N, C-alpha and C. Protein backbone atom coordinates (compact mmCIF):
# COMPACT_ATOMS: atom_id res chain seq x y z
N MET A 1 -18.66 -18.17 -9.50
CA MET A 1 -19.21 -16.83 -9.66
C MET A 1 -18.35 -15.79 -8.95
N ILE A 2 -17.85 -16.13 -7.77
CA ILE A 2 -17.07 -15.15 -7.03
C ILE A 2 -15.78 -14.81 -7.76
N GLU A 3 -15.21 -15.81 -8.45
CA GLU A 3 -14.00 -15.54 -9.22
C GLU A 3 -14.28 -14.56 -10.35
N GLN A 4 -15.46 -14.69 -10.94
CA GLN A 4 -15.86 -13.75 -12.00
C GLN A 4 -16.01 -12.34 -11.43
N LEU A 5 -16.66 -12.23 -10.27
CA LEU A 5 -16.83 -10.92 -9.64
C LEU A 5 -15.49 -10.28 -9.32
N ILE A 6 -14.57 -11.07 -8.79
CA ILE A 6 -13.24 -10.56 -8.46
C ILE A 6 -12.49 -10.13 -9.71
N GLN A 7 -12.53 -10.97 -10.73
CA GLN A 7 -11.81 -10.67 -11.97
C GLN A 7 -12.33 -9.39 -12.61
N GLN A 8 -13.65 -9.23 -12.61
CA GLN A 8 -14.24 -8.04 -13.22
C GLN A 8 -14.05 -6.80 -12.35
N ALA A 9 -13.66 -7.01 -11.09
CA ALA A 9 -13.40 -5.88 -10.18
C ALA A 9 -11.93 -5.45 -10.19
N GLN A 10 -11.13 -6.09 -11.03
CA GLN A 10 -9.72 -5.69 -11.14
C GLN A 10 -9.60 -4.36 -11.89
N PRO A 11 -8.57 -3.54 -11.62
CA PRO A 11 -7.45 -3.83 -10.72
C PRO A 11 -7.74 -3.51 -9.25
N TYR A 12 -8.99 -3.12 -8.97
CA TYR A 12 -9.30 -2.65 -7.61
C TYR A 12 -9.13 -3.75 -6.57
N TRP A 13 -9.51 -5.00 -6.92
CA TRP A 13 -9.43 -6.07 -5.92
C TRP A 13 -7.98 -6.28 -5.46
N MET A 14 -7.06 -6.30 -6.40
CA MET A 14 -5.66 -6.48 -6.03
C MET A 14 -5.16 -5.29 -5.22
N GLN A 15 -5.58 -4.08 -5.59
CA GLN A 15 -5.18 -2.88 -4.85
C GLN A 15 -5.72 -2.91 -3.42
N TYR A 16 -6.84 -3.55 -3.23
CA TYR A 16 -7.46 -3.71 -1.91
C TYR A 16 -6.69 -4.74 -1.07
N VAL A 17 -6.52 -5.93 -1.62
CA VAL A 17 -5.89 -7.03 -0.88
C VAL A 17 -4.42 -6.76 -0.60
N GLU A 18 -3.74 -6.08 -1.54
CA GLU A 18 -2.31 -5.85 -1.41
C GLU A 18 -1.98 -4.38 -1.11
N HIS A 19 -2.89 -3.70 -0.48
CA HIS A 19 -2.72 -2.28 -0.18
C HIS A 19 -1.50 -2.03 0.70
N GLU A 20 -0.96 -0.84 0.62
CA GLU A 20 0.21 -0.47 1.43
C GLU A 20 -0.09 -0.63 2.93
N PHE A 21 -1.30 -0.33 3.34
CA PHE A 21 -1.70 -0.52 4.74
C PHE A 21 -1.52 -1.99 5.13
N VAL A 22 -1.96 -2.89 4.25
CA VAL A 22 -1.84 -4.33 4.50
C VAL A 22 -0.38 -4.75 4.55
N GLN A 23 0.41 -4.24 3.62
CA GLN A 23 1.83 -4.61 3.57
C GLN A 23 2.57 -4.15 4.82
N GLN A 24 2.23 -2.96 5.29
CA GLN A 24 2.87 -2.47 6.52
C GLN A 24 2.41 -3.27 7.74
N LEU A 25 1.15 -3.70 7.74
CA LEU A 25 0.67 -4.59 8.80
C LEU A 25 1.49 -5.87 8.83
N ALA A 26 1.69 -6.43 7.64
CA ALA A 26 2.40 -7.71 7.52
C ALA A 26 3.83 -7.60 8.02
N LYS A 27 4.46 -6.46 7.76
CA LYS A 27 5.86 -6.27 8.15
C LYS A 27 6.00 -5.71 9.56
N GLY A 28 4.87 -5.33 10.15
CA GLY A 28 4.91 -4.76 11.50
C GLY A 28 5.43 -3.34 11.53
N THR A 29 5.41 -2.68 10.37
CA THR A 29 5.97 -1.32 10.28
C THR A 29 4.90 -0.24 10.25
N LEU A 30 3.63 -0.63 10.29
CA LEU A 30 2.55 0.36 10.26
C LEU A 30 2.64 1.23 11.51
N PRO A 31 2.65 2.56 11.36
CA PRO A 31 2.70 3.43 12.54
C PRO A 31 1.54 3.14 13.49
N LYS A 32 1.83 3.17 14.76
CA LYS A 32 0.82 2.88 15.78
C LYS A 32 -0.40 3.78 15.64
N ALA A 33 -0.17 5.06 15.36
CA ALA A 33 -1.28 6.02 15.25
C ALA A 33 -2.22 5.64 14.11
N CYS A 34 -1.66 5.09 13.03
CA CYS A 34 -2.48 4.68 11.88
C CYS A 34 -3.39 3.51 12.27
N PHE A 35 -2.83 2.55 13.00
CA PHE A 35 -3.63 1.39 13.40
C PHE A 35 -4.69 1.80 14.42
N GLN A 36 -4.35 2.68 15.33
CA GLN A 36 -5.32 3.16 16.31
C GLN A 36 -6.47 3.90 15.62
N HIS A 37 -6.13 4.72 14.64
CA HIS A 37 -7.15 5.45 13.88
C HIS A 37 -8.05 4.46 13.14
N TYR A 38 -7.44 3.46 12.53
CA TYR A 38 -8.20 2.41 11.83
C TYR A 38 -9.15 1.69 12.79
N LEU A 39 -8.66 1.33 13.98
CA LEU A 39 -9.48 0.60 14.95
C LEU A 39 -10.70 1.41 15.38
N LYS A 40 -10.51 2.70 15.60
CA LYS A 40 -11.63 3.54 16.02
C LYS A 40 -12.66 3.67 14.90
N GLN A 41 -12.20 3.85 13.69
CA GLN A 41 -13.13 3.94 12.56
C GLN A 41 -13.79 2.59 12.28
N ASP A 42 -13.06 1.50 12.53
CA ASP A 42 -13.61 0.17 12.29
C ASP A 42 -14.75 -0.12 13.26
N TYR A 43 -14.67 0.42 14.48
CA TYR A 43 -15.78 0.27 15.43
C TYR A 43 -17.04 0.92 14.85
N ILE A 44 -16.87 2.13 14.33
CA ILE A 44 -18.01 2.83 13.74
C ILE A 44 -18.53 2.07 12.52
N TYR A 45 -17.59 1.58 11.71
CA TYR A 45 -17.96 0.79 10.54
C TYR A 45 -18.78 -0.43 10.94
N LEU A 46 -18.34 -1.14 11.99
CA LEU A 46 -19.02 -2.36 12.41
C LEU A 46 -20.44 -2.09 12.88
N PHE A 47 -20.67 -0.91 13.44
CA PHE A 47 -22.04 -0.55 13.84
C PHE A 47 -22.96 -0.51 12.62
N HIS A 48 -22.51 0.19 11.59
CA HIS A 48 -23.34 0.30 10.38
C HIS A 48 -23.38 -1.01 9.59
N TYR A 49 -22.29 -1.76 9.62
CA TYR A 49 -22.24 -3.08 9.00
C TYR A 49 -23.29 -3.99 9.64
N SER A 50 -23.43 -3.89 10.96
CA SER A 50 -24.45 -4.66 11.68
C SER A 50 -25.85 -4.22 11.26
N ARG A 51 -26.03 -2.93 11.08
CA ARG A 51 -27.33 -2.42 10.61
C ARG A 51 -27.68 -3.00 9.25
N ALA A 52 -26.66 -3.19 8.41
CA ALA A 52 -26.89 -3.76 7.08
C ALA A 52 -27.45 -5.18 7.17
N PHE A 53 -26.93 -5.96 8.11
CA PHE A 53 -27.44 -7.33 8.26
C PHE A 53 -28.82 -7.34 8.91
N ALA A 54 -29.09 -6.36 9.78
CA ALA A 54 -30.45 -6.22 10.31
C ALA A 54 -31.41 -5.91 9.16
N LEU A 55 -30.97 -5.10 8.24
CA LEU A 55 -31.76 -4.81 7.05
C LEU A 55 -31.93 -6.07 6.20
N GLY A 56 -30.88 -6.90 6.18
CA GLY A 56 -30.97 -8.17 5.46
C GLY A 56 -32.06 -9.08 6.01
N VAL A 57 -32.23 -9.08 7.32
CA VAL A 57 -33.31 -9.86 7.93
C VAL A 57 -34.65 -9.35 7.43
N PHE A 58 -34.79 -8.03 7.38
CA PHE A 58 -36.04 -7.42 6.91
C PHE A 58 -36.30 -7.73 5.44
N LYS A 59 -35.23 -7.75 4.64
CA LYS A 59 -35.37 -7.95 3.19
C LYS A 59 -35.59 -9.41 2.80
N ALA A 60 -35.35 -10.33 3.73
CA ALA A 60 -35.51 -11.75 3.42
C ALA A 60 -36.94 -12.07 2.98
N ARG A 61 -37.05 -12.98 2.02
CA ARG A 61 -38.36 -13.33 1.48
C ARG A 61 -38.95 -14.57 2.15
N ASN A 62 -38.14 -15.25 2.96
CA ASN A 62 -38.61 -16.44 3.68
C ASN A 62 -37.68 -16.69 4.87
N PHE A 63 -38.03 -17.65 5.69
CA PHE A 63 -37.23 -17.93 6.88
C PHE A 63 -35.84 -18.45 6.52
N ALA A 64 -35.73 -19.19 5.44
CA ALA A 64 -34.43 -19.73 5.03
C ALA A 64 -33.46 -18.60 4.69
N GLU A 65 -33.95 -17.59 3.94
CA GLU A 65 -33.11 -16.44 3.60
C GLU A 65 -32.80 -15.60 4.84
N MET A 66 -33.71 -15.58 5.79
CA MET A 66 -33.52 -14.78 6.99
C MET A 66 -32.39 -15.33 7.87
N ASP A 67 -32.16 -16.62 7.78
CA ASP A 67 -31.25 -17.29 8.70
C ASP A 67 -29.82 -16.75 8.61
N MET A 68 -29.31 -16.53 7.41
CA MET A 68 -27.91 -16.11 7.24
C MET A 68 -27.64 -14.72 7.82
N PRO A 69 -28.39 -13.68 7.41
CA PRO A 69 -28.14 -12.36 8.00
C PRO A 69 -28.41 -12.32 9.50
N ARG A 70 -29.38 -13.12 9.98
CA ARG A 70 -29.67 -13.15 11.42
C ARG A 70 -28.48 -13.70 12.19
N LYS A 71 -27.90 -14.79 11.71
CA LYS A 71 -26.74 -15.38 12.38
C LYS A 71 -25.57 -14.41 12.40
N THR A 72 -25.34 -13.75 11.26
CA THR A 72 -24.22 -12.80 11.17
C THR A 72 -24.43 -11.64 12.13
N LEU A 73 -25.64 -11.14 12.20
CA LEU A 73 -25.95 -10.03 13.12
C LEU A 73 -25.72 -10.46 14.57
N ASP A 74 -26.14 -11.67 14.92
CA ASP A 74 -25.94 -12.18 16.28
C ASP A 74 -24.45 -12.22 16.61
N ILE A 75 -23.65 -12.72 15.68
CA ILE A 75 -22.20 -12.83 15.90
C ILE A 75 -21.58 -11.44 16.08
N LEU A 76 -21.96 -10.50 15.22
CA LEU A 76 -21.41 -9.15 15.30
C LEU A 76 -21.76 -8.48 16.63
N CYS A 77 -23.00 -8.63 17.06
CA CYS A 77 -23.43 -8.00 18.32
C CYS A 77 -22.70 -8.61 19.52
N GLN A 78 -22.41 -9.91 19.44
CA GLN A 78 -21.70 -10.57 20.54
C GLN A 78 -20.21 -10.20 20.54
N GLU A 79 -19.65 -10.02 19.36
CA GLU A 79 -18.20 -9.84 19.26
C GLU A 79 -17.75 -8.39 19.32
N ILE A 80 -18.69 -7.44 19.33
CA ILE A 80 -18.28 -6.04 19.37
C ILE A 80 -17.56 -5.73 20.69
N GLN A 81 -17.91 -6.45 21.74
CA GLN A 81 -17.22 -6.25 23.02
C GLN A 81 -15.76 -6.69 22.89
N LEU A 82 -15.51 -7.72 22.10
CA LEU A 82 -14.13 -8.15 21.86
C LEU A 82 -13.35 -7.06 21.14
N HIS A 83 -14.04 -6.35 20.24
CA HIS A 83 -13.39 -5.25 19.53
C HIS A 83 -13.01 -4.14 20.52
N LEU A 84 -13.92 -3.84 21.45
CA LEU A 84 -13.63 -2.82 22.46
C LEU A 84 -12.46 -3.26 23.35
N ASP A 85 -12.44 -4.54 23.70
CA ASP A 85 -11.33 -5.06 24.51
C ASP A 85 -10.01 -4.93 23.75
N TYR A 86 -10.04 -5.22 22.45
CA TYR A 86 -8.84 -5.11 21.62
C TYR A 86 -8.38 -3.66 21.54
N CYS A 87 -9.35 -2.74 21.43
CA CYS A 87 -9.01 -1.32 21.40
C CYS A 87 -8.31 -0.90 22.69
N ARG A 88 -8.77 -1.41 23.81
CA ARG A 88 -8.14 -1.07 25.09
C ARG A 88 -6.68 -1.54 25.12
N GLN A 89 -6.42 -2.69 24.49
CA GLN A 89 -5.04 -3.17 24.42
C GLN A 89 -4.15 -2.20 23.63
N TRP A 90 -4.79 -1.44 22.76
CA TRP A 90 -4.06 -0.45 21.96
C TRP A 90 -4.22 0.96 22.54
N GLU A 91 -4.56 1.00 23.83
CA GLU A 91 -4.62 2.25 24.59
C GLU A 91 -5.71 3.20 24.07
N ILE A 92 -6.82 2.60 23.64
CA ILE A 92 -7.96 3.38 23.18
C ILE A 92 -9.13 3.08 24.12
N SER A 93 -9.60 4.07 24.83
CA SER A 93 -10.70 3.87 25.77
C SER A 93 -12.04 3.87 25.03
N GLU A 94 -13.06 3.32 25.68
CA GLU A 94 -14.40 3.34 25.10
C GLU A 94 -14.86 4.78 24.88
N LEU A 95 -14.58 5.65 25.84
CA LEU A 95 -14.98 7.04 25.71
C LEU A 95 -14.37 7.68 24.47
N GLU A 96 -13.09 7.40 24.24
CA GLU A 96 -12.42 7.95 23.06
C GLU A 96 -13.06 7.44 21.78
N ILE A 97 -13.42 6.16 21.76
CA ILE A 97 -14.08 5.60 20.58
C ILE A 97 -15.42 6.29 20.34
N PHE A 98 -16.21 6.43 21.41
CA PHE A 98 -17.55 7.00 21.28
C PHE A 98 -17.51 8.47 20.87
N GLN A 99 -16.40 9.15 21.17
CA GLN A 99 -16.27 10.57 20.83
C GLN A 99 -15.55 10.79 19.49
N THR A 100 -15.16 9.71 18.83
CA THR A 100 -14.43 9.83 17.57
C THR A 100 -15.37 10.26 16.44
N PRO A 101 -15.05 11.34 15.73
CA PRO A 101 -15.87 11.73 14.57
C PRO A 101 -15.73 10.67 13.47
N GLU A 102 -16.81 10.41 12.80
CA GLU A 102 -16.78 9.43 11.72
C GLU A 102 -16.07 10.02 10.51
N SER A 103 -15.13 9.27 9.96
CA SER A 103 -14.36 9.76 8.82
C SER A 103 -15.23 9.78 7.56
N ALA A 104 -14.81 10.59 6.61
CA ALA A 104 -15.54 10.66 5.33
C ALA A 104 -15.52 9.30 4.63
N ALA A 105 -14.40 8.58 4.73
CA ALA A 105 -14.30 7.26 4.10
C ALA A 105 -15.29 6.28 4.71
N CYS A 106 -15.45 6.34 6.02
CA CYS A 106 -16.39 5.45 6.71
C CYS A 106 -17.83 5.81 6.38
N ILE A 107 -18.11 7.09 6.35
CA ILE A 107 -19.47 7.54 6.00
C ILE A 107 -19.85 7.07 4.60
N SER A 108 -18.99 7.33 3.64
CA SER A 108 -19.32 6.99 2.25
C SER A 108 -19.48 5.49 2.07
N TYR A 109 -18.62 4.72 2.72
CA TYR A 109 -18.68 3.26 2.57
C TYR A 109 -19.94 2.69 3.22
N THR A 110 -20.16 3.01 4.48
CA THR A 110 -21.27 2.39 5.20
C THR A 110 -22.63 2.83 4.67
N ARG A 111 -22.74 4.08 4.30
CA ARG A 111 -24.04 4.53 3.77
C ARG A 111 -24.28 3.92 2.39
N TYR A 112 -23.20 3.63 1.67
CA TYR A 112 -23.37 2.93 0.39
C TYR A 112 -23.92 1.52 0.63
N LEU A 113 -23.38 0.81 1.62
CA LEU A 113 -23.89 -0.52 1.95
C LEU A 113 -25.39 -0.46 2.25
N LEU A 114 -25.77 0.48 3.10
CA LEU A 114 -27.16 0.59 3.51
C LEU A 114 -28.05 0.99 2.33
N ASP A 115 -27.54 1.85 1.47
CA ASP A 115 -28.31 2.28 0.31
C ASP A 115 -28.56 1.10 -0.63
N CYS A 116 -27.55 0.25 -0.81
CA CYS A 116 -27.72 -0.93 -1.66
C CYS A 116 -28.82 -1.83 -1.11
N GLY A 117 -28.84 -1.98 0.21
CA GLY A 117 -29.86 -2.81 0.83
C GLY A 117 -31.24 -2.18 0.79
N MET A 118 -31.30 -0.87 0.97
CA MET A 118 -32.59 -0.18 0.99
C MET A 118 -33.25 -0.16 -0.39
N THR A 119 -32.44 0.08 -1.41
CA THR A 119 -32.99 0.22 -2.77
C THR A 119 -33.07 -1.10 -3.51
N GLY A 120 -32.36 -2.11 -3.02
CA GLY A 120 -32.37 -3.42 -3.67
C GLY A 120 -32.89 -4.49 -2.72
N GLY A 121 -32.53 -5.72 -3.04
CA GLY A 121 -32.91 -6.84 -2.20
C GLY A 121 -31.68 -7.49 -1.60
N LEU A 122 -31.80 -8.73 -1.17
CA LEU A 122 -30.67 -9.43 -0.58
C LEU A 122 -29.49 -9.59 -1.54
N PRO A 123 -29.72 -9.85 -2.84
CA PRO A 123 -28.56 -9.97 -3.73
C PRO A 123 -27.73 -8.68 -3.77
N GLU A 124 -28.40 -7.54 -3.84
CA GLU A 124 -27.68 -6.26 -3.87
C GLU A 124 -26.97 -6.01 -2.54
N LEU A 125 -27.64 -6.30 -1.43
CA LEU A 125 -27.04 -6.09 -0.12
C LEU A 125 -25.80 -6.97 0.05
N TYR A 126 -25.90 -8.23 -0.33
CA TYR A 126 -24.76 -9.14 -0.15
C TYR A 126 -23.65 -8.88 -1.16
N ALA A 127 -23.97 -8.32 -2.31
CA ALA A 127 -22.92 -7.90 -3.24
C ALA A 127 -22.09 -6.78 -2.63
N ALA A 128 -22.74 -5.97 -1.77
CA ALA A 128 -22.07 -4.84 -1.13
C ALA A 128 -21.25 -5.26 0.08
N VAL A 129 -21.72 -6.25 0.85
CA VAL A 129 -21.01 -6.63 2.08
C VAL A 129 -19.97 -7.72 1.86
N THR A 130 -20.07 -8.48 0.77
CA THR A 130 -19.13 -9.59 0.55
C THR A 130 -17.69 -9.14 0.35
N PRO A 131 -17.41 -8.02 -0.32
CA PRO A 131 -16.00 -7.60 -0.41
C PRO A 131 -15.33 -7.42 0.93
N CYS A 132 -16.06 -7.02 1.95
CA CYS A 132 -15.48 -6.90 3.29
C CYS A 132 -15.21 -8.29 3.86
N ALA A 133 -16.24 -9.13 3.90
CA ALA A 133 -16.11 -10.46 4.51
C ALA A 133 -15.05 -11.30 3.80
N LEU A 134 -15.14 -11.38 2.48
CA LEU A 134 -14.19 -12.18 1.70
C LEU A 134 -12.83 -11.51 1.63
N GLY A 135 -12.82 -10.20 1.48
CA GLY A 135 -11.57 -9.48 1.33
C GLY A 135 -10.65 -9.64 2.51
N TYR A 136 -11.19 -9.57 3.72
CA TYR A 136 -10.36 -9.73 4.91
C TYR A 136 -9.79 -11.14 5.00
N ALA A 137 -10.56 -12.12 4.54
CA ALA A 137 -10.05 -13.49 4.51
C ALA A 137 -8.88 -13.59 3.52
N GLN A 138 -9.02 -12.96 2.36
CA GLN A 138 -7.95 -13.00 1.36
C GLN A 138 -6.76 -12.15 1.78
N VAL A 139 -7.00 -11.05 2.46
CA VAL A 139 -5.90 -10.23 2.98
C VAL A 139 -5.04 -11.06 3.95
N ALA A 140 -5.72 -11.78 4.85
CA ALA A 140 -4.99 -12.60 5.82
C ALA A 140 -4.19 -13.69 5.12
N ARG A 141 -4.78 -14.31 4.08
CA ARG A 141 -4.05 -15.35 3.34
C ARG A 141 -2.88 -14.74 2.57
N TYR A 142 -3.09 -13.56 2.00
CA TYR A 142 -2.01 -12.87 1.28
C TYR A 142 -0.83 -12.63 2.22
N ILE A 143 -1.11 -12.20 3.43
CA ILE A 143 -0.05 -11.92 4.40
C ILE A 143 0.67 -13.21 4.79
N THR A 144 -0.11 -14.24 5.15
CA THR A 144 0.52 -15.47 5.64
C THR A 144 1.29 -16.20 4.54
N GLU A 145 0.89 -16.01 3.29
CA GLU A 145 1.55 -16.71 2.18
C GLU A 145 2.75 -15.94 1.62
N ASN A 146 2.84 -14.65 1.93
CA ASN A 146 3.88 -13.83 1.30
C ASN A 146 4.84 -13.16 2.27
N TYR A 147 4.53 -13.22 3.57
CA TYR A 147 5.39 -12.56 4.55
C TYR A 147 5.71 -13.53 5.68
N PRO A 148 6.93 -13.51 6.18
CA PRO A 148 7.28 -14.38 7.31
C PRO A 148 6.55 -13.93 8.57
N LYS A 149 6.22 -14.90 9.41
CA LYS A 149 5.56 -14.58 10.68
C LYS A 149 6.61 -14.08 11.65
N LEU A 150 6.46 -12.82 12.06
CA LEU A 150 7.45 -12.20 12.93
C LEU A 150 6.95 -12.20 14.37
N PRO A 151 7.68 -12.81 15.29
CA PRO A 151 7.24 -12.83 16.68
C PRO A 151 7.10 -11.45 17.29
N SER A 152 7.81 -10.47 16.70
CA SER A 152 7.77 -9.11 17.24
C SER A 152 6.71 -8.24 16.58
N ASN A 153 5.95 -8.80 15.64
CA ASN A 153 4.94 -8.01 14.93
C ASN A 153 3.78 -7.65 15.86
N PRO A 154 3.58 -6.37 16.14
CA PRO A 154 2.49 -5.99 17.07
C PRO A 154 1.10 -6.25 16.49
N TYR A 155 1.03 -6.51 15.18
CA TYR A 155 -0.26 -6.72 14.52
C TYR A 155 -0.55 -8.20 14.26
N GLN A 156 0.24 -9.09 14.85
CA GLN A 156 0.07 -10.51 14.60
C GLN A 156 -1.28 -11.03 15.06
N ALA A 157 -1.79 -10.51 16.17
CA ALA A 157 -3.10 -10.96 16.66
C ALA A 157 -4.20 -10.63 15.65
N TRP A 158 -4.09 -9.47 15.01
CA TRP A 158 -5.06 -9.08 13.98
C TRP A 158 -4.98 -10.04 12.80
N ILE A 159 -3.75 -10.33 12.37
CA ILE A 159 -3.54 -11.26 11.25
C ILE A 159 -4.08 -12.64 11.59
N ASP A 160 -3.79 -13.11 12.79
CA ASP A 160 -4.23 -14.44 13.22
C ASP A 160 -5.75 -14.54 13.26
N ALA A 161 -6.41 -13.46 13.67
CA ALA A 161 -7.88 -13.49 13.78
C ALA A 161 -8.53 -13.73 12.42
N TYR A 162 -8.00 -13.11 11.37
CA TYR A 162 -8.62 -13.23 10.05
C TYR A 162 -8.09 -14.41 9.24
N SER A 163 -6.96 -14.96 9.65
CA SER A 163 -6.45 -16.16 8.97
C SER A 163 -6.96 -17.43 9.64
N ALA A 164 -7.62 -17.30 10.80
CA ALA A 164 -8.14 -18.46 11.52
C ALA A 164 -9.19 -19.19 10.69
N ALA A 165 -9.25 -20.50 10.88
CA ALA A 165 -10.18 -21.33 10.11
C ALA A 165 -11.63 -20.88 10.30
N GLU A 166 -11.97 -20.45 11.51
CA GLU A 166 -13.35 -20.03 11.81
C GLU A 166 -13.75 -18.83 10.94
N TYR A 167 -12.85 -17.83 10.85
CA TYR A 167 -13.19 -16.67 10.03
C TYR A 167 -13.21 -17.03 8.55
N GLN A 168 -12.24 -17.82 8.11
CA GLN A 168 -12.18 -18.23 6.71
C GLN A 168 -13.46 -18.96 6.31
N GLN A 169 -13.97 -19.81 7.20
CA GLN A 169 -15.21 -20.54 6.93
C GLN A 169 -16.40 -19.59 6.86
N ALA A 170 -16.44 -18.61 7.77
CA ALA A 170 -17.54 -17.64 7.76
C ALA A 170 -17.55 -16.83 6.46
N ALA A 171 -16.36 -16.47 6.00
CA ALA A 171 -16.26 -15.73 4.74
C ALA A 171 -16.76 -16.58 3.57
N GLN A 172 -16.42 -17.85 3.58
CA GLN A 172 -16.87 -18.74 2.51
C GLN A 172 -18.38 -18.92 2.54
N GLU A 173 -18.96 -18.96 3.72
CA GLU A 173 -20.42 -19.08 3.83
C GLU A 173 -21.10 -17.84 3.27
N THR A 174 -20.50 -16.68 3.47
CA THR A 174 -21.04 -15.45 2.88
C THR A 174 -20.99 -15.51 1.36
N VAL A 175 -19.87 -15.98 0.83
CA VAL A 175 -19.72 -16.15 -0.62
C VAL A 175 -20.77 -17.12 -1.16
N ASP A 176 -20.95 -18.24 -0.48
CA ASP A 176 -21.91 -19.25 -0.93
C ASP A 176 -23.33 -18.70 -0.92
N PHE A 177 -23.64 -17.87 0.08
CA PHE A 177 -24.98 -17.29 0.16
C PHE A 177 -25.20 -16.31 -0.99
N LEU A 178 -24.20 -15.47 -1.27
CA LEU A 178 -24.31 -14.54 -2.41
C LEU A 178 -24.47 -15.31 -3.71
N THR A 179 -23.71 -16.39 -3.87
CA THR A 179 -23.80 -17.21 -5.08
C THR A 179 -25.22 -17.75 -5.26
N ALA A 180 -25.80 -18.26 -4.19
CA ALA A 180 -27.17 -18.80 -4.26
C ALA A 180 -28.18 -17.70 -4.59
N LEU A 181 -28.00 -16.52 -4.01
CA LEU A 181 -28.90 -15.41 -4.27
C LEU A 181 -28.85 -14.96 -5.73
N CYS A 182 -27.68 -15.09 -6.34
CA CYS A 182 -27.49 -14.59 -7.70
C CYS A 182 -27.84 -15.60 -8.78
N GLU A 183 -28.04 -16.85 -8.41
CA GLU A 183 -28.32 -17.91 -9.40
C GLU A 183 -29.49 -17.58 -10.33
N PRO A 184 -30.61 -17.06 -9.81
CA PRO A 184 -31.75 -16.81 -10.71
C PRO A 184 -31.65 -15.52 -11.52
N LEU A 185 -30.61 -14.72 -11.33
CA LEU A 185 -30.53 -13.41 -11.97
C LEU A 185 -30.16 -13.53 -13.44
N ASN A 186 -30.72 -12.61 -14.25
CA ASN A 186 -30.34 -12.57 -15.66
C ASN A 186 -29.09 -11.72 -15.84
N ASP A 187 -28.61 -11.59 -17.06
CA ASP A 187 -27.33 -10.90 -17.31
C ASP A 187 -27.38 -9.44 -16.89
N VAL A 188 -28.49 -8.76 -17.14
CA VAL A 188 -28.61 -7.35 -16.78
C VAL A 188 -28.58 -7.19 -15.26
N GLN A 189 -29.29 -8.05 -14.57
CA GLN A 189 -29.31 -8.01 -13.10
C GLN A 189 -27.93 -8.32 -12.52
N PHE A 190 -27.25 -9.30 -13.13
CA PHE A 190 -25.93 -9.66 -12.62
C PHE A 190 -24.92 -8.55 -12.88
N ALA A 191 -25.08 -7.82 -13.96
CA ALA A 191 -24.18 -6.68 -14.24
C ALA A 191 -24.33 -5.63 -13.13
N HIS A 192 -25.53 -5.50 -12.61
CA HIS A 192 -25.75 -4.56 -11.50
C HIS A 192 -25.06 -5.06 -10.24
N ILE A 193 -25.12 -6.36 -10.01
CA ILE A 193 -24.41 -6.97 -8.87
C ILE A 193 -22.91 -6.72 -9.00
N GLN A 194 -22.39 -6.88 -10.20
CA GLN A 194 -20.97 -6.64 -10.43
C GLN A 194 -20.59 -5.20 -10.11
N GLN A 195 -21.43 -4.27 -10.52
CA GLN A 195 -21.15 -2.86 -10.29
C GLN A 195 -21.10 -2.56 -8.79
N ILE A 196 -22.01 -3.17 -8.04
CA ILE A 196 -22.03 -2.97 -6.58
C ILE A 196 -20.79 -3.59 -5.95
N PHE A 197 -20.45 -4.80 -6.33
CA PHE A 197 -19.27 -5.49 -5.79
C PHE A 197 -18.01 -4.68 -6.05
N THR A 198 -17.88 -4.17 -7.27
CA THR A 198 -16.70 -3.38 -7.63
C THR A 198 -16.64 -2.08 -6.84
N THR A 199 -17.77 -1.42 -6.69
CA THR A 199 -17.81 -0.17 -5.94
C THR A 199 -17.45 -0.39 -4.47
N ALA A 200 -17.98 -1.44 -3.87
CA ALA A 200 -17.65 -1.74 -2.47
C ALA A 200 -16.16 -2.06 -2.32
N THR A 201 -15.58 -2.70 -3.33
CA THR A 201 -14.13 -2.97 -3.32
C THR A 201 -13.35 -1.66 -3.33
N ARG A 202 -13.78 -0.72 -4.13
CA ARG A 202 -13.13 0.59 -4.17
C ARG A 202 -13.26 1.29 -2.82
N MET A 203 -14.40 1.11 -2.16
CA MET A 203 -14.60 1.71 -0.84
C MET A 203 -13.64 1.11 0.18
N GLU A 204 -13.34 -0.18 0.05
CA GLU A 204 -12.38 -0.83 0.95
C GLU A 204 -10.98 -0.23 0.77
N ILE A 205 -10.60 0.05 -0.45
CA ILE A 205 -9.32 0.70 -0.70
C ILE A 205 -9.28 2.05 0.02
N GLY A 206 -10.37 2.79 -0.07
CA GLY A 206 -10.46 4.09 0.59
C GLY A 206 -10.37 3.97 2.10
N PHE A 207 -10.88 2.87 2.66
CA PHE A 207 -10.84 2.68 4.11
C PHE A 207 -9.40 2.43 4.57
N TRP A 208 -8.65 1.59 3.84
CA TRP A 208 -7.23 1.39 4.15
C TRP A 208 -6.49 2.73 4.06
N GLN A 209 -6.76 3.47 2.98
CA GLN A 209 -6.03 4.72 2.76
C GLN A 209 -6.33 5.72 3.87
N MET A 210 -7.57 5.71 4.36
CA MET A 210 -7.94 6.56 5.48
C MET A 210 -7.05 6.27 6.68
N GLY A 211 -6.79 4.97 6.93
CA GLY A 211 -5.93 4.59 8.04
C GLY A 211 -4.51 5.11 7.86
N LEU A 212 -3.99 4.98 6.66
CA LEU A 212 -2.63 5.46 6.37
C LEU A 212 -2.54 6.98 6.49
N ASP A 213 -3.55 7.66 5.99
CA ASP A 213 -3.51 9.14 5.94
C ASP A 213 -3.97 9.80 7.24
N LEU A 214 -4.50 8.99 8.16
CA LEU A 214 -5.09 9.54 9.40
C LEU A 214 -6.19 10.55 9.08
N SER A 215 -6.92 10.28 8.03
CA SER A 215 -7.93 11.26 7.57
C SER A 215 -9.25 11.05 8.29
């Protein structure tokens, strides 16, 4: 099913995974200011992304469905401190992060995720969040499979984090959960899931571009 969603989301999926921001990350040529801007906006994004999984807990119809978004929310809340630590390594203080205005790209993307969850159920919510979870796993694989590992690449730690087996497994679990949620859907309902998945993919392209443009 995920291959169908990706195929029907073309050419946007390829533009997302192979974006110029990603290519510059892989080559270590991305300007420092662009990566710093991305990191600050990503902190804001992760806050709203966490809210989406909290909404997923609320939208669950039973304890079994509740388990997946609950686990993801727990992980995000625990790991946000790691994100702040990583920001400090890039000379970004917590105060600077907290005072950063939210970009238009971040606003449109995160509020779209929340809107999908508010107006729909778990299938709609997970159709919206899966392009992020799966996309970063595929971005990391795209980099490791197509670019040499450079010891001098300042972004290697970022690449390693998303290419690690633990993250790849978590992304696959998200895909499996979406697949299970979509099994009972009819063609009309699945077409709506496709539209959400494609739109969220387009939002990811906009998020990379925001980093490049410092917008």
